[in-house]
Amino acid sequence: MKRLLAVFLILPFLSGCGEFSQRVKDLVVNTLAIDNDMHLVATTSLDLGGIVLPNIKHDVIHPKLGKLGLLSIHGDNQVSFQLNISVLTPNLNVSDAILPNGKKVPLIGDLPTVVLPVKGTGASFYITLAKGAAVVGFALPFKNFGGELGEDLGSFSVIPTFQVKDFKVSGGLFYGENPGESGLGAFIDISDLLARAFPNTGVQPPILIEDDGLELDYEESIYTKDEEKASGRYLRDLHNEGRVLELY
């Protein structure tokens, strides 16, 4: 029986006082070999103040390859996932990395990306696997989150990039003008992790983009002070309300 590897990550989100605060207690991201396939496994514990996430489990499905993994969200604000990346091949259709609100995904920028929908939800995983430039992340849009702010200010994202131990991480909130366009996202630079993966697992990580010299975009998330403050006030209001979010 395969041993399940638990990986913990606490991401930064807006504090109740309206300032963006990096609330990181630990970050460990790793690979796991199962039946000669390489899996990415993670558990993210989110600090969202008084906002509560729903308890759900949904499959991660590729239209051609079928089930590739599982997304689990717990009411204690933990988001866990396991993804089989070995079945991803260079001949898959790739697309631009776009958040539900139409903005580009931090770190990935303009790099070609495989987008994996989470069955029964509006959530998606984003995977870029190039030589020396690899990212895995997710966007979780919610039914009862952010719409009023997006209507007032238009579409914007407050997703800064920061260093956690050996990893670059982008984590935060995005807002859109229409239903299903607002939520939270987290994206992890796993370039160095995959470079170390083969000696650790005995399984070669896949490469979806053969071009050499590709680089991640650490400047992609751009937002104004007014947008940051508005997002902080909005999160504080939801904190006071004690709202339970519903996945779109």
Protein backbone atom coordinates (compact mmCIF):
# COMPACT_ATOMS: atom_id res chain seq x y z
CA MET A 1 0.00 0.00 0.00
CA LYS A 2 1.38 3.34 -1.05
CA ARG A 3 2.23 5.83 1.64
CA LEU A 4 0.35 9.09 1.36
CA LEU A 5 2.59 12.08 1.60
CA ALA A 6 1.07 15.04 3.40
CA VAL A 7 2.31 18.42 2.27
CA PHE A 8 1.36 21.58 4.10
CA LEU A 9 1.25 25.13 2.85
CA ILE A 10 -0.30 28.13 4.51
CA LEU A 11 -0.89 30.90 2.00
CA PRO A 12 -1.11 34.66 2.64
CA PHE A 13 -4.41 36.45 2.29
CA LEU A 14 -5.74 39.82 3.24
CA SER A 15 -5.93 40.60 6.92
CA GLY A 16 -9.01 41.97 8.66
CA CYS A 17 -7.38 45.37 8.98
CA GLY A 18 -7.24 45.77 5.21
CA GLU A 19 -3.49 45.29 4.68
CA PHE A 20 -2.09 42.42 2.69
CA SER A 21 -0.28 40.16 5.12
CA GLN A 22 1.83 37.13 4.35
CA ARG A 23 0.64 34.52 6.83
CA VAL A 24 2.93 31.61 6.09
CA LYS A 25 3.63 29.01 8.76
CA ASP A 26 5.18 26.36 6.55
CA LEU A 27 5.65 25.33 2.93
CA VAL A 28 6.62 21.83 1.83
CA VAL A 29 5.89 20.78 -1.75
CA ASN A 30 7.01 17.42 -3.06
CA THR A 31 6.51 14.65 -5.58
CA LEU A 32 5.20 11.15 -4.97
CA ALA A 33 5.70 8.03 -7.11
CA ILE A 34 2.63 5.81 -7.51
CA ASP A 35 2.75 2.89 -9.96
CA ASN A 36 5.64 4.51 -11.86
CA ASP A 37 3.72 7.76 -12.27
CA MET A 38 4.75 11.04 -10.72
CA HIS A 39 2.13 12.81 -8.60
CA LEU A 40 2.12 16.27 -7.07
CA VAL A 41 0.58 16.26 -3.60
CA ALA A 42 -0.27 19.28 -1.45
CA THR A 43 -2.43 20.45 1.42
CA THR A 44 -2.91 24.20 1.71
CA SER A 45 -4.24 25.74 4.92
CA LEU A 46 -5.66 29.17 4.21
CA ASP A 47 -6.01 32.08 6.63
CA LEU A 48 -9.27 33.73 5.51
CA GLY A 49 -10.29 35.33 8.78
CA GLY A 50 -13.93 34.59 9.55
CA ILE A 51 -14.70 33.29 6.06
CA VAL A 52 -15.32 29.54 5.93
CA LEU A 53 -14.78 27.27 2.93
CA PRO A 54 -17.21 24.42 2.12
CA ASN A 55 -16.54 20.71 2.63
CA ILE A 56 -16.27 19.12 -0.81
CA LYS A 57 -14.37 16.54 -2.87
CA HIS A 58 -14.20 16.69 -6.65
CA ASP A 59 -12.25 14.89 -9.37
CA VAL A 60 -9.77 16.72 -11.59
CA ILE A 61 -10.62 15.72 -15.16
CA HIS A 62 -8.88 16.23 -18.49
CA PRO A 63 -11.24 16.00 -21.49
CA LYS A 64 -9.04 13.41 -23.24
CA LEU A 65 -7.13 11.73 -20.41
CA GLY A 66 -9.93 11.35 -17.88
CA LYS A 67 -9.36 11.57 -14.15
CA LEU A 68 -5.96 12.97 -13.19
CA GLY A 69 -6.44 13.65 -9.51
CA LEU A 70 -8.57 14.95 -6.70
CA LEU A 71 -9.38 18.31 -5.13
CA SER A 72 -10.58 18.38 -1.52
CA ILE A 73 -11.75 21.43 0.40
CA HIS A 74 -12.47 21.29 4.12
CA GLY A 75 -14.44 23.61 6.35
CA ASP A 76 -11.31 24.31 8.38
CA ASN A 77 -10.04 26.20 5.31
CA GLN A 78 -7.77 23.48 4.00
CA VAL A 79 -7.46 22.90 0.27
CA SER A 80 -5.76 19.64 -0.71
CA PHE A 81 -4.94 18.17 -4.09
CA GLN A 82 -3.16 15.27 -5.73
CA LEU A 83 -2.36 15.36 -9.45
CA ASN A 84 -0.85 12.71 -11.72
CA ILE A 85 1.41 14.74 -14.02
CA SER A 86 3.12 11.78 -15.71
CA VAL A 87 0.19 11.30 -18.10
CA LEU A 88 0.57 14.85 -19.43
CA THR A 89 2.34 14.85 -22.81
CA PRO A 90 3.63 17.56 -25.21
CA ASN A 91 0.92 16.80 -27.79
CA LEU A 92 -1.85 17.98 -25.45
CA ASN A 93 -3.71 21.13 -26.34
CA VAL A 94 -2.29 24.00 -24.32
CA SER A 95 -3.75 27.46 -23.82
CA ASP A 96 -3.03 30.79 -22.20
CA ALA A 97 -3.22 30.87 -18.41
CA ILE A 98 -6.24 33.08 -17.71
CA LEU A 99 -8.02 33.51 -14.39
CA PRO A 100 -11.84 33.37 -14.31
CA ASN A 101 -11.89 37.19 -14.29
CA GLY A 102 -9.92 37.35 -17.55
CA LYS A 103 -6.61 38.40 -16.00
CA LYS A 104 -3.34 36.54 -16.56
CA VAL A 105 -2.13 34.03 -13.98
CA PRO A 106 0.88 35.21 -11.96
CA LEU A 107 4.19 33.37 -12.47
CA ILE A 108 2.93 31.66 -15.64
CA GLY A 109 2.33 34.86 -17.59
CA ASP A 110 2.26 34.08 -21.34
CA LEU A 111 3.67 30.54 -21.11
CA PRO A 112 1.53 27.78 -22.67
CA THR A 113 -0.43 25.94 -19.99
CA VAL A 114 -2.60 22.88 -19.53
CA VAL A 115 -5.83 23.84 -17.77
CA LEU A 116 -7.55 21.01 -15.89
CA PRO A 117 -11.19 21.54 -14.89
CA VAL A 118 -12.44 20.26 -11.56
CA LYS A 119 -15.56 18.21 -12.27
CA GLY A 120 -18.81 19.70 -11.03
CA THR A 121 -17.32 23.11 -10.24
CA GLY A 122 -15.95 26.21 -11.92
CA ALA A 123 -12.53 25.53 -10.38
CA SER A 124 -9.44 24.79 -12.46
CA PHE A 125 -5.85 23.69 -12.06
CA TYR A 126 -3.09 25.29 -14.14
CA ILE A 127 0.07 23.36 -15.02
CA THR A 128 3.08 24.63 -16.93
CA LEU A 129 5.93 22.14 -17.36
CA ALA A 130 8.90 23.50 -19.29
CA LYS A 131 12.64 23.01 -18.86
CA GLY A 132 13.49 25.16 -15.86
CA ALA A 133 10.05 26.82 -15.72
CA ALA A 134 7.26 24.86 -14.02
CA VAL A 135 4.18 25.98 -12.09
CA VAL A 136 1.18 24.26 -10.54
CA GLY A 137 -1.74 26.22 -9.17
CA PHE A 138 -5.49 26.49 -8.80
CA ALA A 139 -8.27 29.04 -9.06
CA LEU A 140 -11.42 28.59 -6.97
CA PRO A 141 -14.32 30.86 -7.98
CA PHE A 142 -17.18 31.24 -5.49
CA LYS A 143 -20.88 32.00 -5.95
CA ASN A 144 -21.21 34.39 -3.04
CA PHE A 145 -17.89 36.20 -3.16
CA GLY A 146 -16.59 39.36 -4.80
CA GLY A 147 -19.34 40.13 -7.28
CA GLU A 148 -20.31 43.46 -5.71
CA LEU A 149 -16.69 44.59 -5.61
CA GLY A 150 -16.09 43.55 -9.22
CA GLU A 151 -19.17 45.48 -10.33
CA ASP A 152 -17.86 48.62 -8.62
CA LEU A 153 -14.20 48.47 -9.66
CA GLY A 154 -14.16 46.14 -12.66
CA SER A 155 -12.02 43.01 -12.94
CA PHE A 156 -8.78 42.98 -10.94
CA SER A 157 -6.56 40.61 -8.98
CA VAL A 158 -4.62 41.09 -5.75
CA ILE A 159 -2.24 38.14 -5.96
CA PRO A 160 1.32 39.05 -4.90
CA THR A 161 4.34 36.83 -5.37
CA PHE A 162 6.56 36.10 -2.37
CA GLN A 163 9.31 33.78 -1.22
CA VAL A 164 8.59 30.88 1.13
CA LYS A 165 11.72 28.91 1.96
CA ASP A 166 12.94 27.61 -1.42
CA PHE A 167 9.73 28.40 -3.32
CA LYS A 168 8.19 31.36 -5.08
CA VAL A 169 4.44 31.45 -4.42
CA SER A 170 1.67 33.70 -5.73
CA GLY A 171 -1.46 33.64 -3.59
CA GLY A 172 -4.45 35.91 -3.16
CA LEU A 173 -7.83 36.99 -4.44
CA PHE A 174 -9.32 37.83 -7.84
CA TYR A 175 -12.49 39.77 -8.64
CA GLY A 176 -14.69 39.92 -11.73
CA GLU A 177 -17.80 41.71 -12.91
CA ASN A 178 -19.85 38.57 -13.63
CA PRO A 179 -20.91 35.48 -11.64
CA GLY A 180 -18.16 32.87 -11.30
CA GLU A 181 -15.35 35.36 -11.89
CA SER A 182 -14.33 36.05 -8.26
CA GLY A 183 -12.47 33.81 -5.85
CA LEU A 184 -9.05 32.80 -4.58
CA GLY A 185 -5.99 31.44 -6.32
CA ALA A 186 -2.62 29.96 -5.41
CA PHE A 187 0.29 29.23 -7.75
CA ILE A 188 3.62 27.60 -6.87
CA ASP A 189 6.93 27.69 -8.75
CA ILE A 190 7.95 24.00 -8.80
CA SER A 191 10.85 24.37 -11.27
CA ASP A 192 13.55 23.35 -8.79
CA LEU A 193 11.31 20.68 -7.27
CA LEU A 194 10.96 18.88 -10.60
CA ALA A 195 14.68 19.17 -11.22
CA ARG A 196 15.20 17.13 -8.04
CA ALA A 197 12.28 14.77 -8.63
CA PHE A 198 13.96 11.94 -10.55
CA PRO A 199 16.58 11.06 -7.89
CA ASN A 200 13.86 11.19 -5.22
CA THR A 201 11.19 9.14 -6.99
CA GLY A 202 12.88 7.22 -9.80
CA VAL A 203 10.27 8.66 -12.17
CA GLN A 204 11.19 11.23 -14.80
CA PRO A 205 8.99 14.35 -14.68
CA PRO A 206 7.20 15.21 -17.94
CA ILE A 207 8.02 18.18 -20.14
CA LEU A 208 5.09 19.81 -21.93
CA ILE A 209 7.09 22.58 -23.61
CA GLU A 210 10.37 21.62 -25.26
CA ASP A 211 11.67 25.17 -25.76
CA ASP A 212 14.76 26.05 -23.76
CA GLY A 213 15.23 29.38 -22.05
CA LEU A 214 11.63 29.98 -20.94
CA GLU A 215 11.25 31.98 -17.74
CA LEU A 216 8.44 32.52 -15.27
CA ASP A 217 6.94 35.98 -14.89
CA TYR A 218 7.34 37.23 -11.33
CA GLU A 219 5.92 40.67 -12.21
CA GLU A 220 2.60 39.56 -13.72
CA SER A 221 0.32 40.45 -10.79
CA ILE A 222 -0.13 44.22 -10.89
CA TYR A 223 -2.68 45.99 -8.70
CA THR A 224 -3.17 49.46 -7.31
CA LYS A 225 -3.18 50.54 -3.69
CA ASP A 226 -6.86 51.42 -4.03
CA GLU A 227 -7.65 47.90 -5.28
CA GLU A 228 -5.64 46.38 -2.44
CA LYS A 229 -7.44 48.52 0.16
CA ALA A 230 -10.87 47.80 -1.35
CA SER A 231 -10.14 44.09 -1.27
CA GLY A 232 -9.03 44.37 2.35
CA ARG A 233 -12.19 46.19 3.37
CA TYR A 234 -14.33 43.67 1.53
CA LEU A 235 -12.63 40.72 3.24
CA ARG A 236 -13.05 42.44 6.61
CA ASP A 237 -16.77 42.85 5.97
CA LEU A 238 -17.09 39.15 5.14
CA HIS A 239 -15.09 38.35 8.26
CA ASN A 240 -17.59 40.28 10.39
CA GLU A 241 -20.45 38.57 8.61
CA GLY A 242 -18.96 35.10 9.05
CA ARG A 243 -19.88 34.13 5.51
CA VAL A 244 -19.53 30.49 4.34
CA LEU A 245 -18.37 30.45 0.72
CA GLU A 246 -19.96 28.25 -1.95
CA LEU A 247 -17.85 26.93 -4.81
CA TYR A 248 -19.19 28.04 -8.17
